[in-house]
PDB file of N, CA and C in Angstrom:
ATOM      1  N   MET A   1      19.697  18.136 -26.461  1.00  0.00           N
ATOM      2  CA  MET A   1      19.011  16.884 -26.212  1.00  0.00           C
ATOM      3  C   MET A   1      19.985  15.870 -25.600  1.00  0.00           C
ATOM      4  N   LYS A   2      19.521  15.152 -24.578  1.00  0.00           N
ATOM      5  CA  LYS A   2      20.381  14.179 -23.913  1.00  0.00           C
ATOM      6  C   LYS A   2      20.470  12.886 -24.719  1.00  0.00           C
ATOM      7  N   LYS A   3      21.592  12.238 -24.584  1.00  0.00           N
ATOM      8  CA  LYS A   3      21.760  10.942 -25.231  1.00  0.00           C
ATOM      9  C   LYS A   3      21.016   9.874 -24.444  1.00  0.00           C
ATOM     10  N   PHE A   4      20.566   8.868 -25.162  1.00  0.00           N
ATOM     11  CA  PHE A   4      19.902   7.744 -24.499  1.00  0.00           C
ATOM     12  C   PHE A   4      20.956   6.826 -23.882  1.00  0.00           C
ATOM     13  N   VAL A   5      20.762   6.506 -22.599  1.00  0.00           N
ATOM     14  CA  VAL A   5      21.662   5.587 -21.903  1.00  0.00           C
ATOM     15  C   VAL A   5      20.796   4.484 -21.316  1.00  0.00           C
ATOM     16  N   SER A   6      21.160   3.241 -21.561  1.00  0.00           N
ATOM     17  CA  SER A   6      20.366   2.126 -21.045  1.00  0.00           C
ATOM     18  C   SER A   6      20.402   2.101 -19.524  1.00  0.00           C
ATOM     19  N   ARG A   7      19.383   1.512 -18.933  1.00  0.00           N
ATOM     20  CA  ARG A   7      19.274   1.462 -17.468  1.00  0.00           C
ATOM     21  C   ARG A   7      20.444   0.718 -16.829  1.00  0.00           C
ATOM     22  N   ASP A   8      20.940  -0.278 -17.509  1.00  0.00           N
ATOM     23  CA  ASP A   8      22.054  -1.064 -16.972  1.00  0.00           C
ATOM     24  C   ASP A   8      23.309  -0.222 -16.770  1.00  0.00           C
ATOM     25  N   LYS A   9      23.473   0.766 -17.590  1.00  0.00           N
ATOM     26  CA  LYS A   9      24.690   1.581 -17.525  1.00  0.00           C
ATOM     27  C   LYS A   9      24.545   2.827 -16.653  1.00  0.00           C
ATOM     28  N   LEU A  10      23.345   3.072 -16.157  1.00  0.00           N
ATOM     29  CA  LEU A  10      23.144   4.235 -15.289  1.00  0.00           C
ATOM     30  C   LEU A  10      23.769   3.993 -13.924  1.00  0.00           C
ATOM     31  N   SER A  11      24.113   5.074 -13.264  1.00  0.00           N
ATOM     32  CA  SER A  11      24.645   4.949 -11.907  1.00  0.00           C
ATOM     33  C   SER A  11      23.495   4.634 -10.949  1.00  0.00           C
ATOM     34  N   LYS A  12      23.835   4.202  -9.763  1.00  0.00           N
ATOM     35  CA  LYS A  12      22.829   3.827  -8.770  1.00  0.00           C
ATOM     36  C   LYS A  12      21.930   5.017  -8.420  1.00  0.00           C
ATOM     37  N   LYS A  13      22.536   6.164  -8.279  1.00  0.00           N
ATOM     38  CA  LYS A  13      21.805   7.387  -7.944  1.00  0.00           C
ATOM     39  C   LYS A  13      20.824   7.753  -9.060  1.00  0.00           C
ATOM     40  N   GLU A  14      21.268   7.686 -10.294  1.00  0.00           N
ATOM     41  CA  GLU A  14      20.412   8.022 -11.422  1.00  0.00           C
ATOM     42  C   GLU A  14      19.270   7.019 -11.581  1.00  0.00           C
ATOM     43  N   LYS A  15      19.526   5.749 -11.289  1.00  0.00           N
ATOM     44  CA  LYS A  15      18.464   4.736 -11.341  1.00  0.00           C
ATOM     45  C   LYS A  15      17.375   5.058 -10.328  1.00  0.00           C
ATOM     46  N   ARG A  16      17.781   5.458  -9.130  1.00  0.00           N
ATOM     47  CA  ARG A  16      16.811   5.815  -8.092  1.00  0.00           C
ATOM     48  C   ARG A  16      15.931   6.974  -8.534  1.00  0.00           C
ATOM     49  N   ILE A  17      16.551   7.973  -9.145  1.00  0.00           N
ATOM     50  CA  ILE A  17      15.800   9.141  -9.614  1.00  0.00           C
ATOM     51  C   ILE A  17      14.796   8.733 -10.690  1.00  0.00           C
ATOM     52  N   LYS A  18      15.228   7.932 -11.647  1.00  0.00           N
ATOM     53  CA  LYS A  18      14.341   7.471 -12.721  1.00  0.00           C
ATOM     54  C   LYS A  18      13.180   6.651 -12.163  1.00  0.00           C
ATOM     55  N   ASN A  19      13.483   5.767 -11.223  1.00  0.00           N
ATOM     56  CA  ASN A  19      12.445   4.922 -10.639  1.00  0.00           C
ATOM     57  C   ASN A  19      11.439   5.744  -9.843  1.00  0.00           C
ATOM     58  N   SER A  20      11.912   6.721  -9.094  1.00  0.00           N
ATOM     59  CA  SER A  20      11.013   7.542  -8.292  1.00  0.00           C
ATOM     60  C   SER A  20      10.089   8.388  -9.164  1.00  0.00           C
ATOM     61  N   GLU A  21      10.552   8.781 -10.340  1.00  0.00           N
ATOM     62  CA  GLU A  21       9.706   9.540 -11.268  1.00  0.00           C
ATOM     63  C   GLU A  21       8.551   8.695 -11.785  1.00  0.00           C
ATOM     64  N   LYS A  22       8.767   7.401 -11.938  1.00  0.00           N
ATOM     65  CA  LYS A  22       7.732   6.518 -12.478  1.00  0.00           C
ATOM     66  C   LYS A  22       6.703   6.089 -11.446  1.00  0.00           C
ATOM     67  N   ARG A  23       7.068   6.166 -10.175  1.00  0.00           N
ATOM     68  CA  ARG A  23       6.147   5.728  -9.121  1.00  0.00           C
ATOM     69  C   ARG A  23       4.993   6.699  -8.967  1.00  0.00           C
ATOM     70  N   ILE A  24       3.855   6.147  -8.566  1.00  0.00           N
ATOM     71  CA  ILE A  24       2.661   6.953  -8.358  1.00  0.00           C
ATOM     72  C   ILE A  24       2.449   7.116  -6.856  1.00  0.00           C
ATOM     73  N   ARG A  25       2.107   8.309  -6.437  1.00  0.00           N
ATOM     74  CA  ARG A  25       1.822   8.561  -5.027  1.00  0.00           C
ATOM     75  C   ARG A  25       0.377   8.167  -4.723  1.00  0.00           C
ATOM     76  N   TRP A  26       0.173   7.486  -3.605  1.00  0.00           N
ATOM     77  CA  TRP A  26      -1.166   7.108  -3.172  1.00  0.00           C
ATOM     78  C   TRP A  26      -1.693   8.173  -2.224  1.00  0.00           C
ATOM     79  N   ASP A  27      -3.020   8.325  -2.192  1.00  0.00           N
ATOM     80  CA  ASP A  27      -3.637   9.238  -1.231  1.00  0.00           C
ATOM     81  C   ASP A  27      -3.533   8.672   0.177  1.00  0.00           C
ATOM     82  N   PHE A  28      -3.538   7.358   0.264  1.00  0.00           N
ATOM     83  CA  PHE A  28      -3.405   6.671   1.547  1.00  0.00           C
ATOM     84  C   PHE A  28      -2.536   5.449   1.331  1.00  0.00           C
ATOM     85  N   SER A  29      -1.968   4.949   2.387  1.00  0.00           N
ATOM     86  CA  SER A  29      -1.121   3.768   2.276  1.00  0.00           C
ATOM     87  C   SER A  29      -1.997   2.520   2.310  1.00  0.00           C
ATOM     88  N   PRO A  30      -1.995   1.704   1.260  1.00  0.00           N
ATOM     89  CA  PRO A  30      -2.834   0.507   1.243  1.00  0.00           C
ATOM     90  C   PRO A  30      -2.395  -0.525   2.282  1.00  0.00           C
ATOM     91  N   VAL A  31      -1.147  -0.476   2.675  1.00  0.00           N
ATOM     92  CA  VAL A  31      -0.628  -1.450   3.637  1.00  0.00           C
ATOM     93  C   VAL A  31      -1.142  -1.136   5.037  1.00  0.00           C
ATOM     94  N   SER A  32      -1.192   0.127   5.396  1.00  0.00           N
ATOM     95  CA  SER A  32      -1.584   0.510   6.752  1.00  0.00           C
ATOM     96  C   SER A  32      -3.098   0.571   6.936  1.00  0.00           C
ATOM     97  N   ARG A  33      -3.838   0.395   5.877  1.00  0.00           N
ATOM     98  CA  ARG A  33      -5.297   0.447   5.957  1.00  0.00           C
ATOM     99  C   ARG A  33      -5.817  -0.743   6.747  1.00  0.00           C
ATOM    100  N   ILE A  34      -6.696  -0.498   7.697  1.00  0.00           N
ATOM    101  CA  ILE A  34      -7.239  -1.574   8.528  1.00  0.00           C
ATOM    102  C   ILE A  34      -8.640  -1.916   8.044  1.00  0.00           C
ATOM    103  N   ILE A  35      -8.850  -3.179   7.751  1.00  0.00           N
ATOM    104  CA  ILE A  35     -10.170  -3.644   7.339  1.00  0.00           C
ATOM    105  C   ILE A  35     -10.803  -4.301   8.562  1.00  0.00           C
ATOM    106  N   PRO A  36     -11.974  -3.858   8.969  1.00  0.00           N
ATOM    107  CA  PRO A  36     -12.606  -4.431  10.162  1.00  0.00           C
ATOM    108  C   PRO A  36     -12.949  -5.910   9.962  1.00  0.00           C
ATOM    109  N   ASN A  37     -12.818  -6.660  11.027  1.00  0.00           N
ATOM    110  CA  ASN A  37     -13.102  -8.083  10.987  1.00  0.00           C
ATOM    111  C   ASN A  37     -14.620  -8.282  11.041  1.00  0.00           C
ATOM    112  N   LYS A  38     -15.181  -8.913  10.029  1.00  0.00           N
ATOM    113  CA  LYS A  38     -16.626  -9.097   9.946  1.00  0.00           C
ATOM    114  C   LYS A  38     -17.124 -10.142  10.947  1.00  0.00           C
ATOM    115  N   LYS A  39     -16.289 -11.097  11.286  1.00  0.00           N
ATOM    116  CA  LYS A  39     -16.691 -12.144  12.205  1.00  0.00           C
ATOM    117  C   LYS A  39     -16.956 -11.598  13.602  1.00  0.00           C
ATOM    118  N   LYS A  40     -16.206 -10.610  14.023  1.00  0.00           N
ATOM    119  CA  LYS A  40     -16.396 -10.014  15.346  1.00  0.00           C
ATOM    120  C   LYS A  40     -17.780  -9.396  15.462  1.00  0.00           C
ATOM    121  N   LYS A  41     -18.209  -8.739  14.417  1.00  0.00           N
ATOM    122  CA  LYS A  41     -19.534  -8.129  14.432  1.00  0.00           C
ATOM    123  C   LYS A  41     -20.614  -9.203  14.553  1.00  0.00           C
ATOM    124  N   MET A  42     -20.440 -10.298  13.849  1.00  0.00           N
ATOM    125  CA  MET A  42     -21.414 -11.383  13.897  1.00  0.00           C
ATOM    126  C   MET A  42     -21.482 -11.995  15.295  1.00  0.00           C
ATOM    127  N   GLU A  43     -20.337 -12.178  15.931  1.00  0.00           N
ATOM    128  CA  GLU A  43     -20.317 -12.758  17.274  1.00  0.00           C
ATOM    129  C   GLU A  43     -21.068 -11.868  18.261  1.00  0.00           C
ATOM    130  N   LYS A  44     -20.908 -10.562  18.118  1.00  0.00           N
ATOM    131  CA  LYS A  44     -21.588  -9.642  19.020  1.00  0.00           C
ATOM    132  C   LYS A  44     -23.102  -9.706  18.825  1.00  0.00           C
ATOM    133  N   LYS A  45     -23.550  -9.850  17.611  1.00  0.00           N
ATOM    134  CA  LYS A  45     -24.987  -9.903  17.337  1.00  0.00           C
ATOM    135  C   LYS A  45     -25.600 -11.213  17.844  1.00  0.00           C
ATOM    136  N   ILE A  46     -24.865 -12.299  17.751  1.00  0.00           N
ATOM    137  CA  ILE A  46     -25.368 -13.612  18.129  1.00  0.00           C
ATOM    138  C   ILE A  46     -25.426 -13.788  19.647  1.00  0.00           C
ATOM    139  N   HIS A  47     -24.585 -13.070  20.344  1.00  0.00           N
ATOM    140  CA  HIS A  47     -24.498 -13.201  21.802  1.00  0.00           C
ATOM    141  C   HIS A  47     -25.879 -13.024  22.449  1.00  0.00           C
ATOM    142  N   PHE A  48     -26.222 -13.964  23.316  1.00  0.00           N
ATOM    143  CA  PHE A  48     -27.517 -13.937  23.989  1.00  0.00           C
ATOM    144  C   PHE A  48     -27.312 -13.977  25.490  1.00  0.00           C
ATOM    145  N   ASP A  49     -27.943 -13.060  26.195  1.00  0.00           N
ATOM    146  CA  ASP A  49     -27.819 -13.022  27.651  1.00  0.00           C
ATOM    147  C   ASP A  49     -29.189 -13.372  28.244  1.00  0.00           C
ATOM    148  N   PRO A  50     -29.299 -14.506  28.939  1.00  0.00           N
ATOM    149  CA  PRO A  50     -30.598 -14.932  29.457  1.00  0.00           C
ATOM    150  C   PRO A  50     -31.139 -14.049  30.593  1.00  0.00           C
ATOM    151  N   ASP A  51     -30.288 -13.289  31.253  1.00  0.00           N
ATOM    152  CA  ASP A  51     -30.721 -12.452  32.356  1.00  0.00           C
ATOM    153  C   ASP A  51     -31.520 -11.238  31.880  1.00  0.00           C
ATOM    154  N   GLU A  52     -31.326 -10.842  30.665  1.00  0.00           N
ATOM    155  CA  GLU A  52     -32.012  -9.627  30.184  1.00  0.00           C
ATOM    156  C   GLU A  52     -33.377  -9.931  29.659  1.00  0.00           C
TER     157      GLU A  52
END
């Protein structure tokens, strides 16, 4: 059994490993997700062309 070592005393490499174990993987990146602009759709619907 390993001894308990506080996070402050861990090496930089070991801290990275511990942190990566705790992180959860996403199915998609929430940052890169594009949400369509609702106002653009409204402008297109409101547009009126008198020639038609």
